[in-house]
C-alpha atoms as a PDB file:
ATOM      1  CA  MET A   1     -11.338  25.345   4.062  1.00  0.00           C
ATOM      2  CA  PRO A   2     -12.442  21.944   4.728  1.00  0.00           C
ATOM      3  CA  LEU A   3     -11.035  19.138   2.644  1.00  0.00           C
ATOM      4  CA  SER A   4     -11.549  19.101  -1.211  1.00  0.00           C
ATOM      5  CA  LEU A   5     -11.040  16.599  -3.865  1.00  0.00           C
ATOM      6  CA  GLY A   6      -7.683  15.107  -4.397  1.00  0.00           C
ATOM      7  CA  GLU A   7      -6.371  16.785  -1.161  1.00  0.00           C
ATOM      8  CA  PRO A   8      -4.455  14.344   1.227  1.00  0.00           C
ATOM      9  CA  ALA A   9      -5.996  13.608   4.504  1.00  0.00           C
ATOM     10  CA  PRO A  10      -3.879  14.304   7.526  1.00  0.00           C
ATOM     11  CA  TRP A  11      -2.384  11.546   9.699  1.00  0.00           C
ATOM     12  CA  PHE A  12      -3.183  11.622  13.249  1.00  0.00           C
ATOM     13  CA  THR A  13      -2.681   9.249  16.397  1.00  0.00           C
ATOM     14  CA  ALA A  14      -5.725   8.841  18.560  1.00  0.00           C
ATOM     15  CA  SER A  15      -7.517   6.679  20.864  1.00  0.00           C
ATOM     16  CA  THR A  16     -10.539   4.149  19.763  1.00  0.00           C
ATOM     17  CA  ALA A  17     -13.027   2.531  21.598  1.00  0.00           C
ATOM     18  CA  SER A  18     -10.629  -0.563  21.541  1.00  0.00           C
ATOM     19  CA  LYS A  19      -7.127   0.791  21.187  1.00  0.00           C
ATOM     20  CA  PRO A  20      -5.302   3.478  22.936  1.00  0.00           C
ATOM     21  CA  GLU A  21      -3.293   4.793  20.033  1.00  0.00           C
ATOM     22  CA  PHE A  22      -4.596   3.951  16.534  1.00  0.00           C
ATOM     23  CA  VAL A  23      -2.162   5.297  13.952  1.00  0.00           C
ATOM     24  CA  PHE A  24      -4.609   6.396  11.529  1.00  0.00           C
ATOM     25  CA  ASP A  25      -2.377   6.243   8.352  1.00  0.00           C
ATOM     26  CA  SER A  26      -1.960   2.423   8.913  1.00  0.00           C
ATOM     27  CA  ALA A  27      -5.429   2.527   7.258  1.00  0.00           C
ATOM     28  CA  ALA A  28      -3.956   3.152   3.603  1.00  0.00           C
ATOM     29  CA  GLY A  29      -4.526   0.249   1.280  1.00  0.00           C
ATOM     30  CA  ARG A  30      -8.417   0.655   1.579  1.00  0.00           C
ATOM     31  CA  TYR A  31     -11.157   3.007   1.008  1.00  0.00           C
ATOM     32  CA  VAL A  32     -11.961   4.891   4.073  1.00  0.00           C
ATOM     33  CA  VAL A  33     -15.080   6.693   5.339  1.00  0.00           C
ATOM     34  CA  MET A  34     -14.696   9.493   7.943  1.00  0.00           C
ATOM     35  CA  LEU A  35     -18.164  10.469   9.700  1.00  0.00           C
ATOM     36  CA  PHE A  36     -17.680  13.623  11.966  1.00  0.00           C
ATOM     37  CA  LEU A  37     -20.997  13.128  14.083  1.00  0.00           C
ATOM     38  CA  PRO A  38     -23.023  16.149  15.292  1.00  0.00           C
ATOM     39  CA  ALA A  39     -22.812  17.430  18.927  1.00  0.00           C
ATOM     40  CA  GLU A  40     -26.771  16.870  19.352  1.00  0.00           C
ATOM     41  CA  ALA A  41     -27.644  13.250  19.939  1.00  0.00           C
ATOM     42  CA  PRO A  42     -30.899  13.072  17.629  1.00  0.00           C
ATOM     43  CA  ALA A  43     -29.079  14.102  14.399  1.00  0.00           C
ATOM     44  CA  ALA A  44     -25.836  12.045  15.389  1.00  0.00           C
ATOM     45  CA  GLY A  45     -28.367   9.088  16.116  1.00  0.00           C
ATOM     46  CA  ALA A  46     -30.055   9.397  12.505  1.00  0.00           C
ATOM     47  CA  ALA A  47     -26.453   9.334  11.274  1.00  0.00           C
ATOM     48  CA  LEU A  48     -25.185   6.433  12.925  1.00  0.00           C
ATOM     49  CA  LYS A  49     -28.481   4.320  11.642  1.00  0.00           C
ATOM     50  CA  VAL A  50     -27.620   5.098   8.171  1.00  0.00           C
ATOM     51  CA  LEU A  51     -24.200   3.971   8.880  1.00  0.00           C
ATOM     52  CA  ALA A  52     -25.452   0.830  10.310  1.00  0.00           C
ATOM     53  CA  ALA A  53     -27.489   0.055   7.204  1.00  0.00           C
ATOM     54  CA  HIS A  54     -24.371   0.195   5.092  1.00  0.00           C
ATOM     55  CA  GLN A  55     -22.057  -1.717   7.544  1.00  0.00           C
ATOM     56  CA  ARG A  56     -21.821  -4.626   4.902  1.00  0.00           C
ATOM     57  CA  LEU A  57     -19.479  -2.030   2.869  1.00  0.00           C
ATOM     58  CA  PHE A  58     -16.888  -2.053   5.932  1.00  0.00           C
ATOM     59  CA  ASP A  59     -14.680  -5.054   6.359  1.00  0.00           C
ATOM     60  CA  ASP A  60     -11.019  -3.496   6.951  1.00  0.00           C
ATOM     61  CA  ASP A  61      -9.915  -4.994   3.292  1.00  0.00           C
ATOM     62  CA  ARG A  62     -11.877  -3.252   0.998  1.00  0.00           C
ATOM     63  CA  ALA A  63     -12.738  -0.283   3.207  1.00  0.00           C
ATOM     64  CA  SER A  64     -13.230   1.020   7.038  1.00  0.00           C
ATOM     65  CA  ALA A  65     -15.160   3.783   8.744  1.00  0.00           C
ATOM     66  CA  PHE A  66     -14.085   5.591  11.520  1.00  0.00           C
ATOM     67  CA  VAL A  67     -17.063   7.820  13.447  1.00  0.00           C
ATOM     68  CA  VAL A  68     -15.488  10.665  15.300  1.00  0.00           C
ATOM     69  CA  ALA A  69     -17.657  12.289  17.616  1.00  0.00           C
ATOM     70  CA  PRO A  70     -17.294  15.656  19.531  1.00  0.00           C
ATOM     71  CA  ALA A  71     -19.084  14.209  22.779  1.00  0.00           C
ATOM     72  CA  PRO A  72     -17.712  10.936  23.908  1.00  0.00           C
ATOM     73  CA  GLU A  73     -21.249   9.932  25.038  1.00  0.00           C
ATOM     74  CA  LEU A  74     -22.527   9.853  21.931  1.00  0.00           C
ATOM     75  CA  LEU A  75     -20.619   7.032  21.449  1.00  0.00           C
ATOM     76  CA  GLY A  76     -22.256   5.106  24.768  1.00  0.00           C
ATOM     77  CA  GLY A  77     -20.525   1.834  24.964  1.00  0.00           C
ATOM     78  CA  LEU A  78     -20.097   0.963  21.308  1.00  0.00           C
ATOM     79  CA  ARG A  79     -17.246  -1.599  20.536  1.00  0.00           C
ATOM     80  CA  ASP A  80     -14.791  -1.585  17.655  1.00  0.00           C
ATOM     81  CA  LEU A  81     -15.737  -3.811  14.798  1.00  0.00           C
ATOM     82  CA  ARG A  82     -13.996  -4.961  11.883  1.00  0.00           C
ATOM     83  CA  GLY A  83     -14.365  -2.249   9.491  1.00  0.00           C
ATOM     84  CA  LEU A  84     -15.645   0.104  12.099  1.00  0.00           C
ATOM     85  CA  ARG A  85     -13.743   2.379  14.791  1.00  0.00           C
ATOM     86  CA  TRP A  86     -15.216   5.132  17.336  1.00  0.00           C
ATOM     87  CA  ILE A  87     -12.871   8.091  17.749  1.00  0.00           C
ATOM     88  CA  PRO A  88     -13.738   9.966  20.897  1.00  0.00           C
ATOM     89  CA  ASP A  89     -12.622  13.638  20.324  1.00  0.00           C
ATOM     90  CA  ALA A  90     -13.724  15.826  23.125  1.00  0.00           C
ATOM     91  CA  ALA A  91     -10.309  18.121  22.380  1.00  0.00           C
ATOM     92  CA  ARG A  92     -11.508  18.063  18.803  1.00  0.00           C
ATOM     93  CA  ALA A  93      -7.936  17.591  17.671  1.00  0.00           C
ATOM     94  CA  VAL A  94      -9.136  15.075  15.066  1.00  0.00           C
ATOM     95  CA  HIS A  95     -11.858  17.726  13.621  1.00  0.00           C
ATOM     96  CA  LYS A  96      -9.365  20.553  13.353  1.00  0.00           C
ATOM     97  CA  ALA A  97      -6.851  18.613  11.861  1.00  0.00           C
ATOM     98  CA  PHE A  98      -9.580  17.597   9.175  1.00  0.00           C
ATOM     99  CA  GLN A  99     -10.817  21.022   9.421  1.00  0.00           C
ATOM    100  CA  ALA A 100     -13.999  19.807  10.095  1.00  0.00           C
ATOM    101  CA  ASP A 101     -16.284  22.713  11.407  1.00  0.00           C
ATOM    102  CA  ALA A 102     -19.239  21.356  10.627  1.00  0.00           C
ATOM    103  CA  PRO A 103     -20.582  17.704  10.816  1.00  0.00           C
ATOM    104  CA  HIS A 104     -20.024  15.803   7.305  1.00  0.00           C
ATOM    105  CA  TRP A 105     -19.134  12.542   5.461  1.00  0.00           C
ATOM    106  CA  LEU A 106     -15.997  12.101   4.054  1.00  0.00           C
ATOM    107  CA  LEU A 107     -14.744   9.241   1.465  1.00  0.00           C
ATOM    108  CA  LEU A 108     -10.775   8.744   1.313  1.00  0.00           C
ATOM    109  CA  ASP A 109      -9.189   6.426  -1.502  1.00  0.00           C
ATOM    110  CA  PRO A 110      -6.355   4.017  -0.475  1.00  0.00           C
ATOM    111  CA  ALA A 111      -4.114   6.735  -0.665  1.00  0.00           C
ATOM    112  CA  LEU A 112      -5.865   8.495   1.762  1.00  0.00           C
ATOM    113  CA  ARG A 113      -6.787  11.294  -0.400  1.00  0.00           C
ATOM    114  CA  VAL A 114     -10.122  12.912  -0.795  1.00  0.00           C
ATOM    115  CA  VAL A 115     -12.516  11.097  -3.220  1.00  0.00           C
ATOM    116  CA  ASP A 116     -16.000  12.890  -2.059  1.00  0.00           C
ATOM    117  CA  GLN A 117     -17.734  14.641   0.975  1.00  0.00           C
ATOM    118  CA  ALA A 118     -21.306  14.616   1.643  1.00  0.00           C
ATOM    119  CA  PRO A 119     -23.472  17.127   4.365  1.00  0.00           C
ATOM    120  CA  ILE A 120     -24.172  14.937   7.312  1.00  0.00           C
ATOM    121  CA  ASP A 121     -27.954  14.388   6.373  1.00  0.00           C
ATOM    122  CA  SER A 122     -27.356  13.405   2.705  1.00  0.00           C
ATOM    123  CA  PRO A 123     -24.710  10.806   2.512  1.00  0.00           C
ATOM    124  CA  GLU A 124     -26.171   8.390   0.125  1.00  0.00           C
ATOM    125  CA  PRO A 125     -24.726   9.271  -3.041  1.00  0.00           C
ATOM    126  CA  LEU A 126     -21.290   9.496  -1.465  1.00  0.00           C
ATOM    127  CA  LEU A 127     -22.168   5.665   0.081  1.00  0.00           C
ATOM    128  CA  GLU A 128     -23.505   4.723  -3.630  1.00  0.00           C
ATOM    129  CA  GLN A 129     -19.968   5.673  -4.791  1.00  0.00           C
ATOM    130  CA  LEU A 130     -18.285   3.465  -2.306  1.00  0.00           C
ATOM    131  CA  ALA A 131     -20.347   0.376  -3.207  1.00  0.00           C
ATOM    132  CA  ALA A 132     -19.934   1.037  -6.740  1.00  0.00           C
ATOM    133  CA  ALA A 133     -15.976   1.570  -6.485  1.00  0.00           C
ATOM    134  CA  GLY A 134     -13.631  -1.051  -7.902  1.00  0.00           C
ATOM    135  CA  PRO A 135     -11.249  -2.867  -5.789  1.00  0.00           C
ATOM    136  CA  PRO A 136      -8.819  -0.698  -3.834  1.00  0.00           C
ATOM    137  CA  GLY A 137      -5.674  -1.393  -6.260  1.00  0.00           C
ATOM    138  CA  ALA A 138      -8.177  -0.126  -9.106  1.00  0.00           C
ATOM    139  CA  HIS A 139      -8.913   3.205  -7.621  1.00  0.00           C
ATOM    140  CA  ALA A 140      -7.511   5.347 -10.119  1.00  0.00           C
ATOM    141  CA  GLY A 141      -8.753   4.032 -13.055  1.00  0.00           C
ATOM    142  CA  VAL A 142      -5.385   2.721 -14.451  1.00  0.00           C
ATOM    143  CA  PRO A 143      -2.699   0.782 -13.522  1.00  0.00           C
ATOM    144  CA  LEU A 144      -0.732   1.695 -10.131  1.00  0.00           C
ATOM    145  CA  HIS A 145       2.947   1.404  -9.879  1.00  0.00           C
ATOM    146  CA  ALA A 146       4.750   2.434  -6.770  1.00  0.00           C
ATOM    147  CA  PRO A 147       7.584   4.825  -7.120  1.00  0.00           C
ATOM    148  CA  VAL A 148      10.328   2.500  -6.172  1.00  0.00           C
ATOM    149  CA  LEU A 149      13.658   1.760  -7.632  1.00  0.00           C
ATOM    150  CA  ILE A 150      14.769  -1.621  -8.988  1.00  0.00           C
ATOM    151  CA  ALA A 151      18.667  -1.493  -8.945  1.00  0.00           C
ATOM    152  CA  PRO A 152      19.993  -4.917 -10.626  1.00  0.00           C
ATOM    153  CA  ARG A 153      23.731  -6.074  -9.865  1.00  0.00           C
ATOM    154  CA  ILE A 154      24.822  -4.317  -6.342  1.00  0.00           C
ATOM    155  CA  PHE A 155      26.321  -7.104  -4.553  1.00  0.00           C
ATOM    156  CA  GLU A 156      28.158  -9.995  -6.531  1.00  0.00           C
ATOM    157  CA  PRO A 157      27.420 -13.486  -5.364  1.00  0.00           C
ATOM    158  CA  ALA A 158      30.264 -13.917  -3.045  1.00  0.00           C
ATOM    159  CA  LEU A 159      29.200 -11.167  -1.178  1.00  0.00           C
ATOM    160  CA  CYS A 160      25.710 -12.160  -0.790  1.00  0.00           C
ATOM    161  CA  GLU A 161      27.534 -15.874   0.384  1.00  0.00           C
ATOM    162  CA  ARG A 162      29.567 -14.268   2.777  1.00  0.00           C
ATOM    163  CA  LEU A 163      26.404 -12.170   4.351  1.00  0.00           C
ATOM    164  CA  MET A 164      24.349 -14.993   4.270  1.00  0.00           C
ATOM    165  CA  ALA A 165      27.261 -17.085   6.427  1.00  0.00           C
ATOM    166  CA  LEU A 166      27.547 -14.332   8.765  1.00  0.00           C
ATOM    167  CA  HIS A 167      23.636 -14.422   9.722  1.00  0.00           C
ATOM    168  CA  GLY A 168      23.972 -18.466   9.481  1.00  0.00           C
ATOM    169  CA  ALA A 169      26.884 -18.260  12.098  1.00  0.00           C
ATOM    170  CA  SER A 170      24.442 -16.799  14.907  1.00  0.00           C
ATOM    171  CA  GLY A 171      20.904 -17.405  13.736  1.00  0.00           C
ATOM    172  CA  GLY A 172      20.109 -13.844  14.680  1.00  0.00           C
ATOM    173  CA  LYS A 173      17.299 -12.840  17.220  1.00  0.00           C
ATOM    174  CA  PHE A 174      14.240 -11.386  17.053  1.00  0.00           C
ATOM    175  CA  THR A 175      13.972  -7.663  16.694  1.00  0.00           C
ATOM    176  CA  GLY A 176      10.963  -5.252  17.681  1.00  0.00           C
ATOM    177  CA  VAL A 177       9.536  -2.276  15.898  1.00  0.00           C
ATOM    178  CA  MET A 178      10.016   1.516  16.896  1.00  0.00           C
ATOM    179  CA  ARG A 179       7.617   3.614  18.675  1.00  0.00           C
ATOM    180  CA  ASP A 180       7.754   6.952  20.508  1.00  0.00           C
ATOM    181  CA  ALA A 181       7.565   6.819  24.255  1.00  0.00           C
ATOM    182  CA  GLY A 182       7.257  10.287  25.547  1.00  0.00           C
ATOM    183  CA  ASP A 183      10.203  12.307  24.166  1.00  0.00           C
ATOM    184  CA  ARG A 184      12.270   9.078  23.011  1.00  0.00           C
ATOM    185  CA  THR A 185      11.963   6.520  20.309  1.00  0.00           C
ATOM    186  CA  VAL A 186      12.130   2.902  21.560  1.00  0.00           C
ATOM    187  CA  TYR A 187      11.903  -0.869  20.535  1.00  0.00           C
ATOM    188  CA  VAL A 188       8.625  -2.484  21.539  1.00  0.00           C
ATOM    189  CA  MET A 189       8.254  -6.222  20.219  1.00  0.00           C
ATOM    190  CA  ASP A 190       5.291  -6.949  18.312  1.00  0.00           C
ATOM    191  CA  ASP A 191       3.423  -9.085  16.081  1.00  0.00           C
ATOM    192  CA  LEU A 192       3.776  -6.835  12.949  1.00  0.00           C
ATOM    193  CA  LYS A 193       7.134  -7.928  12.413  1.00  0.00           C
ATOM    194  CA  LYS A 194       8.637 -11.845  12.670  1.00  0.00           C
ATOM    195  CA  ARG A 195      12.090 -11.735  11.402  1.00  0.00           C
ATOM    196  CA  ARG A 196      15.684 -12.524  12.743  1.00  0.00           C
ATOM    197  CA  ASP A 197      18.441  -9.979  12.461  1.00  0.00           C
ATOM    198  CA  VAL A 198      22.329  -9.786  12.605  1.00  0.00           C
ATOM    199  CA  ALA A 199      24.443  -6.619  12.469  1.00  0.00           C
ATOM    200  CA  VAL A 200      27.558  -6.553  10.597  1.00  0.00           C
ATOM    201  CA  ARG A 201      30.327  -5.178  12.737  1.00  0.00           C
ATOM    202  CA  ASP A 202      33.345  -6.262  10.808  1.00  0.00           C
ATOM    203  CA  PRO A 203      35.216  -2.872   9.644  1.00  0.00           C
ATOM    204  CA  ASP A 204      36.509  -4.339   6.292  1.00  0.00           C
ATOM    205  CA  LEU A 205      33.076  -5.777   5.458  1.00  0.00           C
ATOM    206  CA  ILE A 206      31.371  -2.733   6.222  1.00  0.00           C
ATOM    207  CA  ALA A 207      34.065  -0.752   3.885  1.00  0.00           C
ATOM    208  CA  ALA A 208      33.283  -3.184   1.440  1.00  0.00           C
ATOM    209  CA  ILE A 209      29.576  -2.397   1.546  1.00  0.00           C
ATOM    210  CA  ARG A 210      30.265   0.671   1.640  1.00  0.00           C
ATOM    211  CA  GLU A 211      31.843   0.937  -1.386  1.00  0.00           C
ATOM    212  CA  ARG A 212      29.499  -0.759  -3.523  1.00  0.00           C
ATOM    213  CA  PHE A 213      26.720   1.550  -2.356  1.00  0.00           C
ATOM    214  CA  GLU A 214      29.071   4.831  -3.173  1.00  0.00           C
ATOM    215  CA  ARG A 215      29.689   3.235  -6.423  1.00  0.00           C
ATOM    216  CA  ARG A 216      26.936   1.328  -7.778  1.00  0.00           C
ATOM    217  CA  LEU A 217      23.740   2.549  -6.074  1.00  0.00           C
ATOM    218  CA  PHE A 218      24.178   5.942  -4.791  1.00  0.00           C
ATOM    219  CA  PRO A 219      24.670   7.372  -8.405  1.00  0.00           C
ATOM    220  CA  PHE A 220      21.650   5.455  -9.627  1.00  0.00           C
ATOM    221  CA  ILE A 221      19.514   6.895  -6.874  1.00  0.00           C
ATOM    222  CA  ALA A 222      20.787  10.605  -7.514  1.00  0.00           C
ATOM    223  CA  ARG A 223      19.616   9.805 -11.375  1.00  0.00           C
ATOM    224  CA  ALA A 224      15.977   8.361 -10.249  1.00  0.00           C
ATOM    225  CA  PHE A 225      15.195  10.352  -7.179  1.00  0.00           C
ATOM    226  CA  GLY A 226      17.422  13.473  -7.621  1.00  0.00           C
ATOM    227  CA  PHE A 227      18.448  12.581  -3.928  1.00  0.00           C
ATOM    228  CA  GLU A 228      22.417  12.405  -3.089  1.00  0.00           C
ATOM    229  CA  ALA A 229      22.616   9.826  -0.249  1.00  0.00           C
ATOM    230  CA  THR A 230      25.889  10.295   1.891  1.00  0.00           C
ATOM    231  CA  ARG A 231      24.700   8.160   4.925  1.00  0.00           C
ATOM    232  CA  ILE A 232      23.962   4.758   5.487  1.00  0.00           C
ATOM    233  CA  GLU A 233      22.019   3.746   8.912  1.00  0.00           C
ATOM    234  CA  ARG A 234      22.501   0.299  10.018  1.00  0.00           C
ATOM    235  CA  TYR A 235      24.472  -2.463   8.229  1.00  0.00           C
ATOM    236  CA  LEU A 236      22.055  -5.394   9.109  1.00  0.00           C
ATOM    237  CA  VAL A 237      21.457  -8.854   7.358  1.00  0.00           C
ATOM    238  CA  SER A 238      17.920 -10.152   8.082  1.00  0.00           C
ATOM    239  CA  CYS A 239      16.062 -13.403   7.714  1.00  0.00           C
ATOM    240  CA  TYR A 240      12.428 -13.876   7.179  1.00  0.00           C
ATOM    241  CA  ASP A 241      11.924 -17.765   7.867  1.00  0.00           C
ATOM    242  CA  GLU A 242       8.896 -19.975   7.004  1.00  0.00           C
ATOM    243  CA  ALA A 243       9.569 -21.732  10.235  1.00  0.00           C
ATOM    244  CA  ASP A 244       9.068 -18.650  12.290  1.00  0.00           C
ATOM    245  CA  GLY A 245       6.224 -17.050  10.097  1.00  0.00           C
ATOM    246  CA  GLY A 246       8.509 -14.221   8.796  1.00  0.00           C
ATOM    247  CA  VAL A 247       6.677 -11.253   7.712  1.00  0.00           C
ATOM    248  CA  PHE A 248       6.370  -7.501   8.378  1.00  0.00           C
ATOM    249  CA  ARG A 249       3.341  -6.037   8.103  1.00  0.00           C
ATOM    250  CA  PRO A 250       2.297  -2.897   6.756  1.00  0.00           C
ATOM    251  CA  HIS A 251       4.437   0.099   8.227  1.00  0.00           C
ATOM    252  CA  ARG A 252       6.384   3.432   7.274  1.00  0.00           C
ATOM    253  CA  ASP A 253      10.209   3.504   8.124  1.00  0.00           C
ATOM    254  CA  ASN A 254      10.233   7.556   9.543  1.00  0.00           C
ATOM    255  CA  THR A 255       7.163   8.393  11.482  1.00  0.00           C
ATOM    256  CA  THR A 256       9.073   8.445  14.646  1.00  0.00           C
ATOM    257  CA  GLN A 257      11.416  11.067  16.506  1.00  0.00           C
ATOM    258  CA  GLY A 258      14.487   8.769  15.933  1.00  0.00           C
ATOM    259  CA  THR A 259      13.591   7.727  12.519  1.00  0.00           C
ATOM    260  CA  ALA A 260      12.623  11.310  10.929  1.00  0.00           C
ATOM    261  CA  HIS A 261      16.114  11.459   9.464  1.00  0.00           C
ATOM    262  CA  ARG A 262      15.645   8.235   7.051  1.00  0.00           C
ATOM    263  CA  ALA A 263      14.907   9.351   3.542  1.00  0.00           C
ATOM    264  CA  PHE A 264      15.132   5.875   1.682  1.00  0.00           C
ATOM    265  CA  ALA A 265      14.737   2.377   2.169  1.00  0.00           C
ATOM    266  CA  CYS A 266      16.818  -0.098   0.621  1.00  0.00           C
ATOM    267  CA  SER A 267      16.259  -4.053   0.448  1.00  0.00           C
ATOM    268  CA  ILE A 268      18.551  -6.247  -1.173  1.00  0.00           C
ATOM    269  CA  ASN A 269      17.655 -10.109  -1.647  1.00  0.00           C
ATOM    270  CA  LEU A 270      20.896 -12.091  -1.071  1.00  0.00           C
ATOM    271  CA  ASN A 271      19.232 -15.197  -2.171  1.00  0.00           C
ATOM    272  CA  ASP A 272      16.491 -16.849  -4.063  1.00  0.00           C
ATOM    273  CA  GLY A 273      14.546 -20.340  -3.724  1.00  0.00           C
ATOM    274  CA  PHE A 274      12.047 -19.375  -1.211  1.00  0.00           C
ATOM    275  CA  GLU A 275       8.488 -18.337  -1.692  1.00  0.00           C
ATOM    276  CA  GLY A 276       6.512 -15.188  -0.460  1.00  0.00           C
ATOM    277  CA  GLY A 277       8.509 -12.521   1.293  1.00  0.00           C
ATOM    278  CA  ASP A 278       8.022  -9.774  -1.959  1.00  0.00           C
ATOM    279  CA  LEU A 279       7.476  -6.110  -1.013  1.00  0.00           C
ATOM    280  CA  ARG A 280       4.048  -4.740  -1.804  1.00  0.00           C
ATOM    281  CA  PHE A 281       3.081  -1.003  -1.210  1.00  0.00           C
ATOM    282  CA  PRO A 282      -0.689  -1.060  -0.578  1.00  0.00           C
ATOM    283  CA  GLU A 283      -1.436   2.465  -1.112  1.00  0.00           C
ATOM    284  CA  PHE A 284      -0.479   1.560  -4.699  1.00  0.00           C
ATOM    285  CA  GLY A 285      -2.349  -1.368  -5.218  1.00  0.00           C
ATOM    286  CA  SER A 286      -1.703  -5.185  -4.981  1.00  0.00           C
ATOM    287  CA  THR A 287       1.539  -4.996  -7.325  1.00  0.00           C
ATOM    288  CA  THR A 288       4.549  -6.799  -5.474  1.00  0.00           C
ATOM    289  CA  TYR A 289       8.131  -6.122  -6.126  1.00  0.00           C
ATOM    290  CA  ARG A 290      11.327  -8.464  -5.880  1.00  0.00           C
ATOM    291  CA  PRO A 291      14.701  -7.270  -6.695  1.00  0.00           C
ATOM    292  CA  PRO A 292      16.887 -10.276  -8.192  1.00  0.00           C
ATOM    293  CA  VAL A 293      19.531 -12.016  -6.383  1.00  0.00           C
ATOM    294  CA  GLY A 294      22.218  -9.091  -5.367  1.00  0.00           C
ATOM    295  CA  GLY A 295      19.839  -6.353  -6.465  1.00  0.00           C
ATOM    296  CA  ALA A 296      18.119  -3.856  -4.441  1.00  0.00           C
ATOM    297  CA  VAL A 297      14.711  -1.958  -4.209  1.00  0.00           C
ATOM    298  CA  VAL A 298      14.987   1.250  -3.005  1.00  0.00           C
ATOM    299  CA  PHE A 299      11.982   3.345  -2.220  1.00  0.00           C
ATOM    300  CA  GLY A 300      11.186   6.433   0.226  1.00  0.00           C
ATOM    301  CA  CYS A 301      10.671   5.615   3.911  1.00  0.00           C
ATOM    302  CA  GLY A 302       7.189   7.618   4.130  1.00  0.00           C
ATOM    303  CA  LEU A 303       5.740   4.902   1.814  1.00  0.00           C
ATOM    304  CA  LEU A 304       3.469   2.037   3.597  1.00  0.00           C
ATOM    305  CA  HIS A 305       5.052  -1.023   2.470  1.00  0.00           C
ATOM    306  CA  GLU A 306       4.861  -4.431   3.793  1.00  0.00           C
ATOM    307  CA  ALA A 307       7.357  -7.643   3.146  1.00  0.00           C
ATOM    308  CA  LEU A 308       4.402 -10.679   2.684  1.00  0.00           C
ATOM    309  CA  PRO A 309       4.861 -13.764   4.738  1.00  0.00           C
ATOM    310  CA  VAL A 310       7.597 -16.177   3.572  1.00  0.00           C
ATOM    311  CA  THR A 311       5.608 -19.364   2.809  1.00  0.00           C
ATOM    312  CA  ARG A 312       8.576 -21.375   1.666  1.00  0.00           C
ATOM    313  CA  GLY A 313      11.505 -21.524   2.745  1.00  0.00           C
ATOM    314  CA  ARG A 314      14.097 -18.480   3.736  1.00  0.00           C
ATOM    315  CA  ARG A 315      14.612 -15.248   2.644  1.00  0.00           C
ATOM    316  CA  TYR A 316      17.701 -13.459   3.245  1.00  0.00           C
ATOM    317  CA  ALA A 317      18.126  -9.468   2.745  1.00  0.00           C
ATOM    318  CA  PHE A 318      20.371  -6.632   3.787  1.00  0.00           C
ATOM    319  CA  LEU A 319      18.120  -3.962   4.741  1.00  0.00           C
ATOM    320  CA  PRO A 320      19.868  -0.550   5.575  1.00  0.00           C
ATOM    321  CA  PHE A 321      18.150   2.998   5.577  1.00  0.00           C
ATOM    322  CA  LEU A 322      19.870   6.133   3.560  1.00  0.00           C
ATOM    323  CA  TYR A 323      20.075   9.596   4.134  1.00  0.00           C
ATOM    324  CA  ASN A 324      22.150  12.729   3.641  1.00  0.00           C
ATOM    325  CA  GLU A 325      23.952  15.455   5.455  1.00  0.00           C
ATOM    326  CA  ALA A 326      20.603  17.451   6.036  1.00  0.00           C
ATOM    327  CA  GLY A 327      19.165  14.092   7.602  1.00  0.00           C
ATOM    328  CA  ALA A 328      22.206  13.857   9.919  1.00  0.00           C
ATOM    329  CA  GLU A 329      21.338  17.009  11.382  1.00  0.00           C
ATOM    330  CA  ILE A 330      18.096  16.242  12.401  1.00  0.00           C
ATOM    331  CA  LEU A 331      19.442  12.733  14.127  1.00  0.00           C
ATOM    332  CA  ALA A 332      22.112  14.725  15.658  1.00  0.00           C
ATOM    333  CA  ALA A 333      19.457  17.161  17.372  1.00  0.00           C
ATOM    334  CA  TYR A 334      17.581  14.013  18.501  1.00  0.00           C
ATOM    335  CA  ARG A 335      20.288  12.308  19.885  1.00  0.00           C
ATOM    336  CA  ALA A 336      21.438  15.781  21.802  1.00  0.00           C
ATOM    337  CA  ARG A 337      17.925  15.948  22.818  1.00  0.00           C
ATOM    338  CA  THR A 338      17.598  12.685  24.343  1.00  0.00           C
ATOM    339  CA  GLY A 339      21.181  11.735  25.457  1.00  0.00           C
ATOM    340  CA  GLU A 340      21.437   8.815  22.982  1.00  0.00           C
ATOM    341  CA  THR A 341      24.784   7.828  21.214  1.00  0.00           C
ATOM    342  CA  SER A 342      24.672   5.880  18.025  1.00  0.00           C
ATOM    343  CA  ALA A 343      24.459   1.989  17.931  1.00  0.00           C
END
């Protein structure tokens, strides 16, 4: 059955005309039009002319369009443009994921859920609906709030100061983002993230942090999300610095083989007095989130999120991931398969 109203679109990774691996779920936060072309050149050409006539709608801020071609030659030498990407799909992997047995148009909301669909030769109502739609953050017609937990009073001021001093002693180093490379997950440097990190190694400090999580944060997570966290991945102090252009652009935290065990992300601010640097969840509008000093923002690792650029000063934060025993089994299986050990 083709996708219908309210159903989530499948995520996929595919090559486009200009990028060997485009991660589709990163398009969330804006309206998306999917155009599944027919295999016949005349009918495909007619659909592309309609798309060209409405190109003004697509700017990658408010909306994007993806043209999926069952025969790559239908795309000729077309190049990706701002707001418009071409996906050759000779193996029909994207078609199968979307159950697109027939050519058609599909309109998705900023959470990548179906709003409308139209036959290949009658897209005008769908495109008119997109043109009339409000800003992406207002697509639901009511205020949206990301499903996050803000938990104050997790770290006391003295612990915040101690962790910032630990970072200041070395200044930290830039770290990459995680990408799958074959059957392994590896770190790669990417402009997606500009942040300096320091790992906590002192066993006594690690024990102090874990005690606070177990006594102050884990019970609150269980109450809010019905999730019993038992494991903490990485004891990491990070700094987003204005001088570095500190930022972490939209991403998810559990979409690789080596991160599939992660359940919740946690961000504890260690200081204030900076500007920018707040969290935003594009699938849920433009609202930003900042916990008080020593407080945590906790959210599911599957949510698309970003740390906005720090525009003045430095933001220090403690940034672990949380999981449970089921997640530990997933991580152990990955390590057994790859021969990797814990960091």
